[in-house]
Amino acid sequence: MTGVPIRIAIVDDHQVFTDAMSERLRLEPGLEVVGTAQDAAGAVALLECTDVDVVTVDLALGTEDGLDLARDLLVRRPEVRVVLVTGIDADERCLEALRSGVRGWVPKAGPSSVLVEAIRGVAQGETHVPAALLTQVLSSLTSWGEGGVRDETVIRKLSSRELDVLRCLVDGRSRKEIGVILNVSPNTIRTHVQSILHKLEVHSALTAVAIARRAGVRGQAGNP
């Protein structure tokens, strides 16, 4: 809703990073840091008593695995969007995270503006993956899954307008670009994307694109 800040929780065992990122995010309009935690137990306790929209989780959380924590948080609070902050660029772990429902994968060594962009994007229902990993992750998603008749069957659940949106996603179009192409508002496109994800029973637009590719759905550029 317009005017309501995105509420963020930061989970990281490095206090210096947590403090620096908290200060950085507090400078951003429309973002509000509502709490921090240094371990899994603290993160669970924080989300049990705090309204949170997006939680950033360090993948290497001391002796704990940040992805395991992300899975736990998503079971407890499925509406929360999780962004993993990581020092590694392993596409296998990124793929595993996306399959688990994580919405963002951000290099810890990158500029803070990337994390800000990821937070804003996932809060709007988008998925954030570094460009360097995107091609491999999408290729892996396309080759993974049930495929065949199952993919074709779930695609038939979509309305004609949702299929138009999905074709644009297959082309790599942003939500803003899709809105221009289809002459509707970005908010309408966001609603269509959420409906597509629900009908295809997936967590991210990347996985929806993978299903579309396996089912033989072509992008708008490939249509007569």
C-alpha atoms as a PDB file:
ATOM      1  CA  MET A   1       0.000   0.000   0.000  1.00  0.00           C
ATOM      2  CA  THR A   2       1.303   3.487  -0.924  1.00  0.00           C
ATOM      3  CA  GLY A   3       2.909   5.307   2.017  1.00  0.00           C
ATOM      4  CA  VAL A   4       3.426   2.163   4.095  1.00  0.00           C
ATOM      5  CA  PRO A   5       7.140   1.409   4.566  1.00  0.00           C
ATOM      6  CA  ILE A   6       8.650  -1.981   3.779  1.00  0.00           C
ATOM      7  CA  ARG A   7       9.463  -3.535   7.172  1.00  0.00           C
ATOM      8  CA  ILE A   8      12.840  -5.262   7.213  1.00  0.00           C
ATOM      9  CA  ALA A   9      14.588  -7.628   9.628  1.00  0.00           C
ATOM     10  CA  ILE A  10      18.333  -8.280   9.315  1.00  0.00           C
ATOM     11  CA  VAL A  11      19.798 -11.618  10.437  1.00  0.00           C
ATOM     12  CA  ASP A  12      23.598 -11.674  10.477  1.00  0.00           C
ATOM     13  CA  ASP A  13      26.176 -12.801  13.017  1.00  0.00           C
ATOM     14  CA  HIS A  14      28.562  -9.934  12.155  1.00  0.00           C
ATOM     15  CA  GLN A  15      27.488  -6.949  14.233  1.00  0.00           C
ATOM     16  CA  VAL A  16      29.528  -4.483  12.164  1.00  0.00           C
ATOM     17  CA  PHE A  17      27.706  -5.536   8.990  1.00  0.00           C
ATOM     18  CA  THR A  18      24.325  -5.443  10.736  1.00  0.00           C
ATOM     19  CA  ASP A  19      24.917  -1.947  12.122  1.00  0.00           C
ATOM     20  CA  ALA A  20      26.211  -0.604   8.818  1.00  0.00           C
ATOM     21  CA  MET A  21      23.362  -2.084   6.799  1.00  0.00           C
ATOM     22  CA  SER A  22      20.762  -0.916   9.313  1.00  0.00           C
ATOM     23  CA  GLU A  23      22.035   2.645   8.999  1.00  0.00           C
ATOM     24  CA  ARG A  24      22.144   2.375   5.211  1.00  0.00           C
ATOM     25  CA  LEU A  25      18.574   1.084   4.949  1.00  0.00           C
ATOM     26  CA  ARG A  26      17.247   3.697   7.353  1.00  0.00           C
ATOM     27  CA  LEU A  27      18.406   6.379   4.909  1.00  0.00           C
ATOM     28  CA  GLU A  28      16.206   4.910   2.179  1.00  0.00           C
ATOM     29  CA  PRO A  29      12.691   6.333   1.794  1.00  0.00           C
ATOM     30  CA  GLY A  30       9.993   3.738   2.233  1.00  0.00           C
ATOM     31  CA  LEU A  31      12.202   1.270   4.117  1.00  0.00           C
ATOM     32  CA  GLU A  32      12.083   0.590   7.862  1.00  0.00           C
ATOM     33  CA  VAL A  33      14.406  -1.703   9.822  1.00  0.00           C
ATOM     34  CA  VAL A  34      12.186  -3.209  12.528  1.00  0.00           C
ATOM     35  CA  GLY A  35      14.712  -5.548  14.147  1.00  0.00           C
ATOM     36  CA  THR A  36      17.939  -7.509  13.921  1.00  0.00           C
ATOM     37  CA  ALA A  37      19.125 -10.931  15.073  1.00  0.00           C
ATOM     38  CA  GLN A  38      22.484 -12.692  15.220  1.00  0.00           C
ATOM     39  CA  ASP A  39      21.391 -16.335  15.040  1.00  0.00           C
ATOM     40  CA  ALA A  40      18.526 -18.631  14.102  1.00  0.00           C
ATOM     41  CA  ALA A  41      16.913 -18.604  17.538  1.00  0.00           C
ATOM     42  CA  GLY A  42      16.964 -14.822  17.627  1.00  0.00           C
ATOM     43  CA  ALA A  43      15.485 -14.637  14.124  1.00  0.00           C
ATOM     44  CA  VAL A  44      12.609 -16.971  15.017  1.00  0.00           C
ATOM     45  CA  ALA A  45      11.886 -15.015  18.186  1.00  0.00           C
ATOM     46  CA  LEU A  46      11.985 -11.721  16.285  1.00  0.00           C
ATOM     47  CA  LEU A  47       9.524 -12.844  13.616  1.00  0.00           C
ATOM     48  CA  GLU A  48       7.179 -14.278  16.240  1.00  0.00           C
ATOM     49  CA  CYS A  49       6.626 -10.844  17.776  1.00  0.00           C
ATOM     50  CA  THR A  50       7.298  -8.400  14.914  1.00  0.00           C
ATOM     51  CA  ASP A  51       5.498  -7.571  11.683  1.00  0.00           C
ATOM     52  CA  VAL A  52       8.075  -8.088   8.940  1.00  0.00           C
ATOM     53  CA  ASP A  53       7.776  -7.887   5.145  1.00  0.00           C
ATOM     54  CA  VAL A  54      11.345  -8.793   4.149  1.00  0.00           C
ATOM     55  CA  VAL A  55      14.064 -10.561   6.118  1.00  0.00           C
ATOM     56  CA  THR A  56      17.685 -10.649   4.974  1.00  0.00           C
ATOM     57  CA  VAL A  57      19.600 -13.718   6.146  1.00  0.00           C
ATOM     58  CA  ASP A  58      23.349 -14.340   6.037  1.00  0.00           C
ATOM     59  CA  LEU A  59      23.909 -17.667   4.274  1.00  0.00           C
ATOM     60  CA  ALA A  60      26.892 -18.416   6.533  1.00  0.00           C
ATOM     61  CA  LEU A  61      25.287 -17.642   9.870  1.00  0.00           C
ATOM     62  CA  GLY A  62      28.119 -18.579  12.192  1.00  0.00           C
ATOM     63  CA  THR A  63      27.934 -22.363  12.577  1.00  0.00           C
ATOM     64  CA  GLU A  64      24.363 -22.384  11.233  1.00  0.00           C
ATOM     65  CA  ASP A  65      23.163 -22.637   7.655  1.00  0.00           C
ATOM     66  CA  GLY A  66      21.227 -19.550   6.609  1.00  0.00           C
ATOM     67  CA  LEU A  67      19.258 -21.533   4.041  1.00  0.00           C
ATOM     68  CA  ASP A  68      18.014 -23.933   6.721  1.00  0.00           C
ATOM     69  CA  LEU A  69      16.877 -20.898   8.718  1.00  0.00           C
ATOM     70  CA  ALA A  70      15.215 -19.430   5.624  1.00  0.00           C
ATOM     71  CA  ARG A  71      13.220 -22.633   5.137  1.00  0.00           C
ATOM     72  CA  ASP A  72      12.157 -22.591   8.788  1.00  0.00           C
ATOM     73  CA  LEU A  73      11.087 -18.944   8.622  1.00  0.00           C
ATOM     74  CA  LEU A  74       9.069 -19.582   5.453  1.00  0.00           C
ATOM     75  CA  VAL A  75       7.221 -22.444   7.146  1.00  0.00           C
ATOM     76  CA  ARG A  76       6.449 -20.229  10.136  1.00  0.00           C
ATOM     77  CA  ARG A  77       5.704 -17.069   8.134  1.00  0.00           C
ATOM     78  CA  PRO A  78       5.078 -17.978   4.470  1.00  0.00           C
ATOM     79  CA  GLU A  79       4.070 -14.415   3.626  1.00  0.00           C
ATOM     80  CA  VAL A  80       7.529 -13.066   4.506  1.00  0.00           C
ATOM     81  CA  ARG A  81       9.987 -12.551   1.623  1.00  0.00           C
ATOM     82  CA  VAL A  82      13.495 -13.878   2.341  1.00  0.00           C
ATOM     83  CA  VAL A  83      16.689 -12.512   0.791  1.00  0.00           C
ATOM     84  CA  LEU A  84      19.882 -14.517   1.323  1.00  0.00           C
ATOM     85  CA  VAL A  85      23.056 -12.450   1.624  1.00  0.00           C
ATOM     86  CA  THR A  86      26.093 -14.510   0.717  1.00  0.00           C
ATOM     87  CA  GLY A  87      29.822 -14.461   0.146  1.00  0.00           C
ATOM     88  CA  ILE A  88      29.689 -17.234  -2.469  1.00  0.00           C
ATOM     89  CA  ASP A  89      28.497 -17.361  -6.076  1.00  0.00           C
ATOM     90  CA  ALA A  90      27.530 -21.043  -6.190  1.00  0.00           C
ATOM     91  CA  ASP A  91      24.686 -21.440  -8.654  1.00  0.00           C
ATOM     92  CA  GLU A  92      23.770 -24.811  -7.100  1.00  0.00           C
ATOM     93  CA  ARG A  93      23.035 -23.220  -3.727  1.00  0.00           C
ATOM     94  CA  CYS A  94      21.218 -20.320  -5.365  1.00  0.00           C
ATOM     95  CA  LEU A  95      19.036 -22.787  -7.248  1.00  0.00           C
ATOM     96  CA  GLU A  96      18.392 -24.731  -4.046  1.00  0.00           C
ATOM     97  CA  ALA A  97      17.377 -21.498  -2.322  1.00  0.00           C
ATOM     98  CA  LEU A  98      14.942 -20.515  -5.073  1.00  0.00           C
ATOM     99  CA  ARG A  99      13.342 -23.956  -4.995  1.00  0.00           C
ATOM    100  CA  SER A 100      12.869 -23.487  -1.249  1.00  0.00           C
ATOM    101  CA  GLY A 101      10.974 -20.232  -1.694  1.00  0.00           C
ATOM    102  CA  VAL A 102      13.780 -17.721  -1.135  1.00  0.00           C
ATOM    103  CA  ARG A 103      13.117 -14.621  -3.247  1.00  0.00           C
ATOM    104  CA  GLY A 104      16.558 -13.006  -3.397  1.00  0.00           C
ATOM    105  CA  TRP A 105      20.256 -13.921  -3.586  1.00  0.00           C
ATOM    106  CA  VAL A 106      22.639 -10.990  -3.010  1.00  0.00           C
ATOM    107  CA  PRO A 107      26.473 -10.985  -2.881  1.00  0.00           C
ATOM    108  CA  LYS A 108      27.630  -9.673   0.470  1.00  0.00           C
ATOM    109  CA  ALA A 109      30.673  -7.989  -1.042  1.00  0.00           C
ATOM    110  CA  GLY A 110      28.619  -6.011  -3.553  1.00  0.00           C
ATOM    111  CA  PRO A 111      27.426  -2.419  -3.197  1.00  0.00           C
ATOM    112  CA  SER A 112      24.691  -1.818  -0.655  1.00  0.00           C
ATOM    113  CA  SER A 113      22.496  -0.430  -3.427  1.00  0.00           C
ATOM    114  CA  VAL A 114      22.120  -3.985  -4.784  1.00  0.00           C
ATOM    115  CA  LEU A 115      20.612  -5.171  -1.495  1.00  0.00           C
ATOM    116  CA  VAL A 116      18.325  -2.141  -1.434  1.00  0.00           C
ATOM    117  CA  GLU A 117      17.160  -2.962  -4.968  1.00  0.00           C
ATOM    118  CA  ALA A 118      16.619  -6.607  -4.034  1.00  0.00           C
ATOM    119  CA  ILE A 119      14.570  -5.695  -0.957  1.00  0.00           C
ATOM    120  CA  ARG A 120      12.328  -3.357  -2.928  1.00  0.00           C
ATOM    121  CA  GLY A 121      11.919  -5.924  -5.691  1.00  0.00           C
ATOM    122  CA  VAL A 122      11.050  -8.932  -3.550  1.00  0.00           C
ATOM    123  CA  ALA A 123       8.629  -6.822  -1.510  1.00  0.00           C
ATOM    124  CA  GLN A 124       6.731  -6.305  -4.783  1.00  0.00           C
ATOM    125  CA  GLY A 125       6.731 -10.014  -5.589  1.00  0.00           C
ATOM    126  CA  GLU A 126       9.825 -10.117  -7.803  1.00  0.00           C
ATOM    127  CA  THR A 127      12.805 -12.489  -7.645  1.00  0.00           C
ATOM    128  CA  HIS A 128      16.343 -11.126  -7.468  1.00  0.00           C
ATOM    129  CA  VAL A 129      19.259 -13.164  -8.826  1.00  0.00           C
ATOM    130  CA  PRO A 130      22.664 -11.700  -9.832  1.00  0.00           C
ATOM    131  CA  ALA A 131      23.100 -11.397 -13.591  1.00  0.00           C
ATOM    132  CA  ALA A 132      26.216 -13.586 -13.410  1.00  0.00           C
ATOM    133  CA  LEU A 133      24.112 -16.503 -12.114  1.00  0.00           C
ATOM    134  CA  LEU A 134      20.855 -15.868 -13.936  1.00  0.00           C
ATOM    135  CA  THR A 135      21.558 -17.802 -17.138  1.00  0.00           C
ATOM    136  CA  GLN A 136      22.806 -20.919 -15.350  1.00  0.00           C
ATOM    137  CA  VAL A 137      20.047 -20.840 -12.730  1.00  0.00           C
ATOM    138  CA  LEU A 138      17.316 -20.463 -15.368  1.00  0.00           C
ATOM    139  CA  SER A 139      18.859 -23.257 -17.446  1.00  0.00           C
ATOM    140  CA  SER A 140      18.927 -25.540 -14.388  1.00  0.00           C
ATOM    141  CA  LEU A 141      15.336 -24.677 -13.500  1.00  0.00           C
ATOM    142  CA  THR A 142      14.239 -25.422 -17.060  1.00  0.00           C
ATOM    143  CA  SER A 143      15.846 -28.860 -17.017  1.00  0.00           C
ATOM    144  CA  TRP A 144      14.579 -29.639 -13.496  1.00  0.00           C
ATOM    145  CA  GLY A 145      11.035 -30.664 -12.607  1.00  0.00           C
ATOM    146  CA  GLU A 146       8.266 -32.900 -13.780  1.00  0.00           C
ATOM    147  CA  GLY A 147       7.986 -31.482 -17.290  1.00  0.00           C
ATOM    148  CA  GLY A 148       5.959 -32.970 -20.125  1.00  0.00           C
ATOM    149  CA  VAL A 149       2.216 -33.335 -19.674  1.00  0.00           C
ATOM    150  CA  ARG A 150       2.245 -31.865 -16.176  1.00  0.00           C
ATOM    151  CA  ASP A 151       3.713 -28.544 -17.361  1.00  0.00           C
ATOM    152  CA  GLU A 152       1.323 -28.334 -20.310  1.00  0.00           C
ATOM    153  CA  THR A 153      -1.602 -29.066 -17.973  1.00  0.00           C
ATOM    154  CA  VAL A 154      -0.788 -26.336 -15.450  1.00  0.00           C
ATOM    155  CA  ILE A 155      -0.159 -23.810 -18.236  1.00  0.00           C
ATOM    156  CA  ARG A 156      -3.747 -24.390 -19.402  1.00  0.00           C
ATOM    157  CA  LYS A 157      -4.938 -23.043 -16.038  1.00  0.00           C
ATOM    158  CA  LEU A 158      -3.878 -19.545 -17.104  1.00  0.00           C
ATOM    159  CA  SER A 159      -6.229 -16.992 -18.624  1.00  0.00           C
ATOM    160  CA  SER A 160      -5.371 -15.512 -22.022  1.00  0.00           C
ATOM    161  CA  ARG A 161      -4.115 -12.302 -20.403  1.00  0.00           C
ATOM    162  CA  GLU A 162      -2.013 -14.254 -17.893  1.00  0.00           C
ATOM    163  CA  LEU A 163      -0.529 -16.200 -20.787  1.00  0.00           C
ATOM    164  CA  ASP A 164       0.339 -12.900 -22.486  1.00  0.00           C
ATOM    165  CA  VAL A 165       2.139 -11.813 -19.305  1.00  0.00           C
ATOM    166  CA  LEU A 166       3.952 -15.137 -19.054  1.00  0.00           C
ATOM    167  CA  ARG A 167       5.117 -14.850 -22.687  1.00  0.00           C
ATOM    168  CA  CYS A 168       6.564 -11.443 -21.864  1.00  0.00           C
ATOM    169  CA  LEU A 169       8.348 -12.931 -18.856  1.00  0.00           C
ATOM    170  CA  VAL A 170       9.797 -15.634 -21.121  1.00  0.00           C
ATOM    171  CA  ASP A 171      11.166 -12.774 -23.249  1.00  0.00           C
ATOM    172  CA  GLY A 172      12.889 -11.371 -20.162  1.00  0.00           C
ATOM    173  CA  ARG A 173      10.681  -8.282 -19.945  1.00  0.00           C
ATOM    174  CA  SER A 174      10.428  -6.330 -16.696  1.00  0.00           C
ATOM    175  CA  ARG A 175       7.038  -5.675 -15.131  1.00  0.00           C
ATOM    176  CA  LYS A 176       7.249  -2.049 -16.252  1.00  0.00           C
ATOM    177  CA  GLU A 177       7.961  -3.105 -19.838  1.00  0.00           C
ATOM    178  CA  ILE A 178       5.118  -5.636 -19.766  1.00  0.00           C
ATOM    179  CA  GLY A 179       2.744  -2.912 -18.592  1.00  0.00           C
ATOM    180  CA  VAL A 180       3.701  -0.759 -21.587  1.00  0.00           C
ATOM    181  CA  ILE A 181       3.365  -3.675 -24.030  1.00  0.00           C
ATOM    182  CA  LEU A 182      -0.050  -4.705 -22.705  1.00  0.00           C
ATOM    183  CA  ASN A 183      -1.168  -1.131 -21.947  1.00  0.00           C
ATOM    184  CA  VAL A 184      -1.942  -1.755 -18.272  1.00  0.00           C
ATOM    185  CA  SER A 185      -0.476  -0.471 -15.019  1.00  0.00           C
ATOM    186  CA  PRO A 186       2.501  -2.121 -13.248  1.00  0.00           C
ATOM    187  CA  ASN A 187       0.156  -2.903 -10.348  1.00  0.00           C
ATOM    188  CA  THR A 188      -2.102  -4.850 -12.707  1.00  0.00           C
ATOM    189  CA  ILE A 189       0.911  -6.750 -14.028  1.00  0.00           C
ATOM    190  CA  ARG A 190       1.963  -7.526 -10.460  1.00  0.00           C
ATOM    191  CA  THR A 191      -1.508  -8.954  -9.788  1.00  0.00           C
ATOM    192  CA  HIS A 192      -1.328 -11.090 -12.934  1.00  0.00           C
ATOM    193  CA  VAL A 193       2.129 -12.392 -11.973  1.00  0.00           C
ATOM    194  CA  GLN A 194       0.931 -13.352  -8.502  1.00  0.00           C
ATOM    195  CA  SER A 195      -2.020 -15.186 -10.049  1.00  0.00           C
ATOM    196  CA  ILE A 196       0.339 -17.003 -12.440  1.00  0.00           C
ATOM    197  CA  LEU A 197       2.559 -18.121  -9.566  1.00  0.00           C
ATOM    198  CA  HIS A 198      -0.470 -19.319  -7.606  1.00  0.00           C
ATOM    199  CA  LYS A 199      -1.915 -21.309 -10.515  1.00  0.00           C
ATOM    200  CA  LEU A 200       1.452 -22.851 -11.415  1.00  0.00           C
ATOM    201  CA  GLU A 201       2.141 -23.552  -7.712  1.00  0.00           C
ATOM    202  CA  VAL A 202       5.605 -21.980  -7.747  1.00  0.00           C
ATOM    203  CA  HIS A 203       7.379 -19.349  -5.662  1.00  0.00           C
ATOM    204  CA  SER A 204       9.094 -17.235  -8.311  1.00  0.00           C
ATOM    205  CA  ALA A 205       8.696 -15.847 -11.811  1.00  0.00           C
ATOM    206  CA  LEU A 206      11.939 -17.609 -12.760  1.00  0.00           C
ATOM    207  CA  THR A 207      10.368 -20.986 -12.028  1.00  0.00           C
ATOM    208  CA  ALA A 208       7.237 -19.962 -13.923  1.00  0.00           C
ATOM    209  CA  VAL A 209       9.402 -19.126 -16.946  1.00  0.00           C
ATOM    210  CA  ALA A 210      11.127 -22.512 -16.629  1.00  0.00           C
ATOM    211  CA  ILE A 211       7.748 -24.296 -16.667  1.00  0.00           C
ATOM    212  CA  ALA A 212       6.674 -22.213 -19.667  1.00  0.00           C
ATOM    213  CA  ARG A 213       9.816 -23.148 -21.567  1.00  0.00           C
ATOM    214  CA  ARG A 214       9.384 -26.846 -20.804  1.00  0.00           C
ATOM    215  CA  ALA A 215       5.765 -26.621 -21.989  1.00  0.00           C
ATOM    216  CA  GLY A 216       6.830 -25.010 -25.260  1.00  0.00           C
ATOM    217  CA  VAL A 217       5.476 -21.523 -24.529  1.00  0.00           C
ATOM    218  CA  ARG A 218       7.243 -18.994 -26.714  1.00  0.00           C
ATOM    219  CA  GLY A 219       7.892 -15.343 -25.922  1.00  0.00           C
ATOM    220  CA  GLN A 220       5.899 -12.521 -27.460  1.00  0.00           C
ATOM    221  CA  ALA A 221       8.654 -12.017 -30.032  1.00  0.00           C
ATOM    222  CA  GLY A 222       8.147 -15.605 -31.195  1.00  0.00           C
ATOM    223  CA  ASN A 223       4.406 -15.259 -31.726  1.00  0.00           C
ATOM    224  CA  PRO A 224       2.809 -14.404 -35.042  1.00  0.00           C
END
